[in-house]
């Protein structure tokens, strides 16, 4: 389990048009929002990533970089980026599933062709949303076992405003006896 204020796993992936993404060297003032998504086969992911695409500049204004990541290969990732009209959202691809597990993501098996007529991969990760500080420690994390009911990016932007204004620390850090 990832712990707030503790180092996250490393993450290095190719991106569609921004060179290699390396979380350890990703330079942003306040950190990086990493949106792990299921893949091209997921219509809910397309809707969700469309919302993130609309908020990229909001995060950037607050010193936060963004990236969407899946285990899809380059071709399927490019199709997703085109599908949502991405012009500023970075897309990382080829996420190894063992790396997805390090991040605490759930892994699902294929159920065949989805409602939009796209074949699911044999194995893929379920969604997760994380904000990682420039020191590569976990500030915020949310993982799902299903594609439904994901955190709203507008709420995360509002939470960032509060956190920045009040120097609010990451919470959930206690690991002692209970």
C-alpha atoms as a PDB file:
ATOM      1  CA  UNK A   1       0.000   0.000   0.000  1.00  0.00           C
ATOM      2  CA  UNK A   2       1.270   3.458  -0.881  1.00  0.00           C
ATOM      3  CA  UNK A   3       1.561   5.788   2.068  1.00  0.00           C
ATOM      4  CA  UNK A   4       1.123   9.565   2.072  1.00  0.00           C
ATOM      5  CA  UNK A   5       4.374  11.485   2.628  1.00  0.00           C
ATOM      6  CA  UNK A   6       6.365   8.393   1.598  1.00  0.00           C
ATOM      7  CA  UNK A   7       8.185   7.845  -1.688  1.00  0.00           C
ATOM      8  CA  UNK A   8       6.052   6.460  -4.490  1.00  0.00           C
ATOM      9  CA  UNK A   9       7.263   3.787  -6.869  1.00  0.00           C
ATOM     10  CA  UNK A  10       9.376   5.005  -9.744  1.00  0.00           C
ATOM     11  CA  UNK A  11       7.575   5.483 -13.035  1.00  0.00           C
ATOM     12  CA  UNK A  12       9.318   5.798 -16.385  1.00  0.00           C
ATOM     13  CA  UNK A  13       7.321   5.437 -19.595  1.00  0.00           C
ATOM     14  CA  UNK A  14       7.352   6.521 -23.218  1.00  0.00           C
ATOM     15  CA  UNK A  15       4.842   9.238 -24.125  1.00  0.00           C
ATOM     16  CA  UNK A  16       3.133  10.010 -27.397  1.00  0.00           C
ATOM     17  CA  UNK A  17       4.751  13.361 -28.071  1.00  0.00           C
ATOM     18  CA  UNK A  18       6.648  14.509 -24.992  1.00  0.00           C
ATOM     19  CA  UNK A  19       9.645  12.157 -24.950  1.00  0.00           C
ATOM     20  CA  UNK A  20      10.218   9.874 -22.021  1.00  0.00           C
ATOM     21  CA  UNK A  21       8.269  10.528 -18.833  1.00  0.00           C
ATOM     22  CA  UNK A  22      10.298   9.943 -15.682  1.00  0.00           C
ATOM     23  CA  UNK A  23       8.489  10.766 -12.452  1.00  0.00           C
ATOM     24  CA  UNK A  24      11.785  11.200 -10.599  1.00  0.00           C
ATOM     25  CA  UNK A  25      12.836  14.027 -12.911  1.00  0.00           C
ATOM     26  CA  UNK A  26       9.467  15.448 -13.958  1.00  0.00           C
ATOM     27  CA  UNK A  27       9.909  19.121 -13.213  1.00  0.00           C
ATOM     28  CA  UNK A  28       6.950  21.005 -11.876  1.00  0.00           C
ATOM     29  CA  UNK A  29       6.674  23.385  -8.958  1.00  0.00           C
ATOM     30  CA  UNK A  30       4.116  21.428  -6.917  1.00  0.00           C
ATOM     31  CA  UNK A  31       4.090  17.951  -8.409  1.00  0.00           C
ATOM     32  CA  UNK A  32       2.366  15.713 -10.900  1.00  0.00           C
ATOM     33  CA  UNK A  33      -1.148  14.344 -11.219  1.00  0.00           C
ATOM     34  CA  UNK A  34      -1.002  10.826 -12.633  1.00  0.00           C
ATOM     35  CA  UNK A  35      -4.261   9.484 -14.015  1.00  0.00           C
ATOM     36  CA  UNK A  36      -4.048   5.741 -14.607  1.00  0.00           C
ATOM     37  CA  UNK A  37      -6.837   4.686 -16.969  1.00  0.00           C
ATOM     38  CA  UNK A  38      -8.073   1.311 -18.208  1.00  0.00           C
ATOM     39  CA  UNK A  39      -7.393   1.789 -21.912  1.00  0.00           C
ATOM     40  CA  UNK A  40      -8.946   2.558 -25.276  1.00  0.00           C
ATOM     41  CA  UNK A  41     -11.649  -0.056 -24.735  1.00  0.00           C
ATOM     42  CA  UNK A  42     -13.214   1.925 -21.878  1.00  0.00           C
ATOM     43  CA  UNK A  43     -15.821   4.560 -22.850  1.00  0.00           C
ATOM     44  CA  UNK A  44     -15.877   5.897 -19.282  1.00  0.00           C
ATOM     45  CA  UNK A  45     -12.126   6.495 -19.498  1.00  0.00           C
ATOM     46  CA  UNK A  46     -12.615   8.568 -22.653  1.00  0.00           C
ATOM     47  CA  UNK A  47     -15.155  10.765 -20.878  1.00  0.00           C
ATOM     48  CA  UNK A  48     -12.915  11.039 -17.805  1.00  0.00           C
ATOM     49  CA  UNK A  49      -9.823  11.916 -19.822  1.00  0.00           C
ATOM     50  CA  UNK A  50     -11.799  14.529 -21.746  1.00  0.00           C
ATOM     51  CA  UNK A  51     -12.455  16.217 -18.397  1.00  0.00           C
ATOM     52  CA  UNK A  52      -8.776  15.997 -17.442  1.00  0.00           C
ATOM     53  CA  UNK A  53      -7.795  17.481 -20.819  1.00  0.00           C
ATOM     54  CA  UNK A  54     -10.045  20.465 -20.020  1.00  0.00           C
ATOM     55  CA  UNK A  55      -8.273  20.931 -16.655  1.00  0.00           C
ATOM     56  CA  UNK A  56      -4.632  20.612 -17.737  1.00  0.00           C
ATOM     57  CA  UNK A  57      -4.198  24.406 -17.772  1.00  0.00           C
ATOM     58  CA  UNK A  58      -5.906  24.725 -14.356  1.00  0.00           C
ATOM     59  CA  UNK A  59      -3.380  22.305 -12.887  1.00  0.00           C
ATOM     60  CA  UNK A  60      -0.498  24.005 -14.701  1.00  0.00           C
ATOM     61  CA  UNK A  61      -1.532  27.396 -13.259  1.00  0.00           C
ATOM     62  CA  UNK A  62      -1.076  25.826  -9.823  1.00  0.00           C
ATOM     63  CA  UNK A  63       2.339  24.389 -10.673  1.00  0.00           C
ATOM     64  CA  UNK A  64       1.090  20.836 -11.214  1.00  0.00           C
ATOM     65  CA  UNK A  65       1.892  18.709 -14.258  1.00  0.00           C
ATOM     66  CA  UNK A  66      -0.486  16.046 -15.593  1.00  0.00           C
ATOM     67  CA  UNK A  67      -0.166  12.716 -17.363  1.00  0.00           C
ATOM     68  CA  UNK A  68      -2.597   9.968 -18.373  1.00  0.00           C
ATOM     69  CA  UNK A  69      -1.162   6.434 -18.260  1.00  0.00           C
ATOM     70  CA  UNK A  70      -2.324   2.981 -19.327  1.00  0.00           C
ATOM     71  CA  UNK A  71      -0.924  -0.398 -20.242  1.00  0.00           C
ATOM     72  CA  UNK A  72      -2.114   0.101 -23.829  1.00  0.00           C
ATOM     73  CA  UNK A  73       0.572   0.223 -26.487  1.00  0.00           C
ATOM     74  CA  UNK A  74       1.430   3.272 -28.547  1.00  0.00           C
ATOM     75  CA  UNK A  75      -1.221   2.720 -31.247  1.00  0.00           C
ATOM     76  CA  UNK A  76      -4.169   2.329 -28.863  1.00  0.00           C
ATOM     77  CA  UNK A  77      -2.902   5.226 -26.752  1.00  0.00           C
ATOM     78  CA  UNK A  78      -2.707   7.456 -29.825  1.00  0.00           C
ATOM     79  CA  UNK A  79      -6.262   6.466 -30.720  1.00  0.00           C
ATOM     80  CA  UNK A  80      -7.426   7.488 -27.230  1.00  0.00           C
ATOM     81  CA  UNK A  81      -5.595  10.830 -27.442  1.00  0.00           C
ATOM     82  CA  UNK A  82      -7.198  11.509 -30.818  1.00  0.00           C
ATOM     83  CA  UNK A  83     -10.614  10.369 -29.579  1.00  0.00           C
ATOM     84  CA  UNK A  84     -10.621  12.941 -26.769  1.00  0.00           C
ATOM     85  CA  UNK A  85      -8.990  15.696 -28.811  1.00  0.00           C
ATOM     86  CA  UNK A  86      -5.949  15.880 -26.555  1.00  0.00           C
ATOM     87  CA  UNK A  87      -3.767  18.867 -27.313  1.00  0.00           C
ATOM     88  CA  UNK A  88      -2.035  19.440 -23.973  1.00  0.00           C
ATOM     89  CA  UNK A  89      -2.515  16.272 -21.904  1.00  0.00           C
ATOM     90  CA  UNK A  90       0.525  14.000 -21.900  1.00  0.00           C
ATOM     91  CA  UNK A  91      -0.115  10.323 -22.555  1.00  0.00           C
ATOM     92  CA  UNK A  92       2.202   7.608 -21.261  1.00  0.00           C
ATOM     93  CA  UNK A  93       1.867   4.076 -22.557  1.00  0.00           C
ATOM     94  CA  UNK A  94       3.154   0.508 -22.113  1.00  0.00           C
ATOM     95  CA  UNK A  95       2.637   0.541 -18.341  1.00  0.00           C
ATOM     96  CA  UNK A  96       3.891  -2.869 -17.141  1.00  0.00           C
ATOM     97  CA  UNK A  97       1.214  -4.562 -15.053  1.00  0.00           C
ATOM     98  CA  UNK A  98       3.713  -5.386 -12.307  1.00  0.00           C
ATOM     99  CA  UNK A  99       4.362  -1.627 -12.087  1.00  0.00           C
ATOM    100  CA  UNK A 100       0.593  -1.016 -11.940  1.00  0.00           C
ATOM    101  CA  UNK A 101       0.467  -3.379  -8.958  1.00  0.00           C
ATOM    102  CA  UNK A 102       3.312  -1.453  -7.267  1.00  0.00           C
ATOM    103  CA  UNK A 103       1.030   1.594  -7.465  1.00  0.00           C
ATOM    104  CA  UNK A 104      -1.763  -0.377  -5.813  1.00  0.00           C
ATOM    105  CA  UNK A 105      -3.895  -0.626  -8.946  1.00  0.00           C
ATOM    106  CA  UNK A 106      -6.288  -3.524  -9.349  1.00  0.00           C
ATOM    107  CA  UNK A 107      -5.851  -5.803 -12.378  1.00  0.00           C
ATOM    108  CA  UNK A 108      -8.797  -7.127 -14.387  1.00  0.00           C
ATOM    109  CA  UNK A 109      -9.162  -9.846 -17.006  1.00  0.00           C
ATOM    110  CA  UNK A 110     -10.780  -9.367 -20.386  1.00  0.00           C
ATOM    111  CA  UNK A 111     -14.497  -9.763 -20.847  1.00  0.00           C
ATOM    112  CA  UNK A 112     -14.142  -9.584 -24.642  1.00  0.00           C
ATOM    113  CA  UNK A 113     -15.531  -6.777 -26.744  1.00  0.00           C
ATOM    114  CA  UNK A 114     -16.892  -3.732 -24.926  1.00  0.00           C
ATOM    115  CA  UNK A 115     -20.089  -1.772 -25.560  1.00  0.00           C
ATOM    116  CA  UNK A 116     -18.187   0.436 -28.015  1.00  0.00           C
ATOM    117  CA  UNK A 117     -16.915  -2.542 -30.012  1.00  0.00           C
ATOM    118  CA  UNK A 118     -13.292  -2.530 -28.850  1.00  0.00           C
ATOM    119  CA  UNK A 119     -11.606  -5.676 -27.549  1.00  0.00           C
ATOM    120  CA  UNK A 120     -10.326  -5.512 -23.982  1.00  0.00           C
ATOM    121  CA  UNK A 121      -6.702  -6.561 -23.457  1.00  0.00           C
ATOM    122  CA  UNK A 122      -6.213  -9.954 -21.773  1.00  0.00           C
ATOM    123  CA  UNK A 123      -5.153  -8.096 -18.600  1.00  0.00           C
ATOM    124  CA  UNK A 124      -5.312  -4.393 -17.755  1.00  0.00           C
ATOM    125  CA  UNK A 125      -5.286  -2.133 -14.704  1.00  0.00           C
ATOM    126  CA  UNK A 126      -8.319  -0.446 -13.216  1.00  0.00           C
ATOM    127  CA  UNK A 127      -8.282   3.337 -12.655  1.00  0.00           C
ATOM    128  CA  UNK A 128      -6.196   5.235 -10.150  1.00  0.00           C
ATOM    129  CA  UNK A 129      -5.554   8.923  -9.571  1.00  0.00           C
ATOM    130  CA  UNK A 130      -2.513  10.196  -7.700  1.00  0.00           C
ATOM    131  CA  UNK A 131      -0.854  13.477  -6.959  1.00  0.00           C
ATOM    132  CA  UNK A 132       2.859  13.117  -6.323  1.00  0.00           C
ATOM    133  CA  UNK A 133       5.032  15.891  -4.911  1.00  0.00           C
ATOM    134  CA  UNK A 134       8.237  17.085  -6.608  1.00  0.00           C
ATOM    135  CA  UNK A 135      10.102  14.983  -4.006  1.00  0.00           C
ATOM    136  CA  UNK A 136       8.214  11.944  -5.375  1.00  0.00           C
ATOM    137  CA  UNK A 137       6.134  11.437  -2.238  1.00  0.00           C
ATOM    138  CA  UNK A 138       2.442  10.642  -2.275  1.00  0.00           C
ATOM    139  CA  UNK A 139       0.193  13.622  -1.606  1.00  0.00           C
ATOM    140  CA  UNK A 140      -3.157  12.225  -2.768  1.00  0.00           C
ATOM    141  CA  UNK A 141      -4.288   8.838  -3.981  1.00  0.00           C
ATOM    142  CA  UNK A 142      -7.480   7.128  -5.097  1.00  0.00           C
ATOM    143  CA  UNK A 143      -7.836   3.678  -6.656  1.00  0.00           C
ATOM    144  CA  UNK A 144     -10.914   1.899  -7.955  1.00  0.00           C
ATOM    145  CA  UNK A 145     -11.870  -1.709  -8.524  1.00  0.00           C
ATOM    146  CA  UNK A 146     -14.350  -0.656 -11.221  1.00  0.00           C
ATOM    147  CA  UNK A 147     -14.443   1.978 -13.962  1.00  0.00           C
ATOM    148  CA  UNK A 148     -17.269   3.868 -12.242  1.00  0.00           C
ATOM    149  CA  UNK A 149     -17.416   6.737  -9.700  1.00  0.00           C
ATOM    150  CA  UNK A 150     -14.082   8.487 -10.120  1.00  0.00           C
ATOM    151  CA  UNK A 151     -12.812  11.635  -8.378  1.00  0.00           C
ATOM    152  CA  UNK A 152     -13.785  14.883 -10.105  1.00  0.00           C
ATOM    153  CA  UNK A 153     -10.920  16.954 -11.459  1.00  0.00           C
ATOM    154  CA  UNK A 154     -12.725  20.188 -10.579  1.00  0.00           C
ATOM    155  CA  UNK A 155     -12.773  19.080  -6.936  1.00  0.00           C
ATOM    156  CA  UNK A 156      -9.082  18.198  -7.051  1.00  0.00           C
ATOM    157  CA  UNK A 157      -8.280  21.660  -8.453  1.00  0.00           C
ATOM    158  CA  UNK A 158     -10.331  23.244  -5.650  1.00  0.00           C
ATOM    159  CA  UNK A 159      -8.606  21.052  -3.074  1.00  0.00           C
ATOM    160  CA  UNK A 160      -5.238  22.154  -4.441  1.00  0.00           C
ATOM    161  CA  UNK A 161      -6.227  25.794  -3.981  1.00  0.00           C
ATOM    162  CA  UNK A 162      -7.085  25.074  -0.341  1.00  0.00           C
ATOM    163  CA  UNK A 163      -3.929  23.020   0.209  1.00  0.00           C
ATOM    164  CA  UNK A 164      -1.691  25.682  -1.329  1.00  0.00           C
ATOM    165  CA  UNK A 165      -3.318  28.533   0.612  1.00  0.00           C
ATOM    166  CA  UNK A 166      -3.160  26.668   3.934  1.00  0.00           C
ATOM    167  CA  UNK A 167       0.068  24.705   3.431  1.00  0.00           C
ATOM    168  CA  UNK A 168      -2.063  21.618   4.037  1.00  0.00           C
ATOM    169  CA  UNK A 169      -0.026  18.418   4.449  1.00  0.00           C
ATOM    170  CA  UNK A 170      -0.770  15.013   2.941  1.00  0.00           C
ATOM    171  CA  UNK A 171      -3.043  13.041   5.273  1.00  0.00           C
ATOM    172  CA  UNK A 172      -3.326   9.328   6.104  1.00  0.00           C
ATOM    173  CA  UNK A 173       0.361   9.120   6.992  1.00  0.00           C
ATOM    174  CA  UNK A 174       0.048   7.338  10.363  1.00  0.00           C
ATOM    175  CA  UNK A 175       1.449   3.801  10.338  1.00  0.00           C
ATOM    176  CA  UNK A 176       1.628   3.034  14.088  1.00  0.00           C
ATOM    177  CA  UNK A 177      -0.504   0.753  16.194  1.00  0.00           C
ATOM    178  CA  UNK A 178      -4.242   1.411  16.325  1.00  0.00           C
END
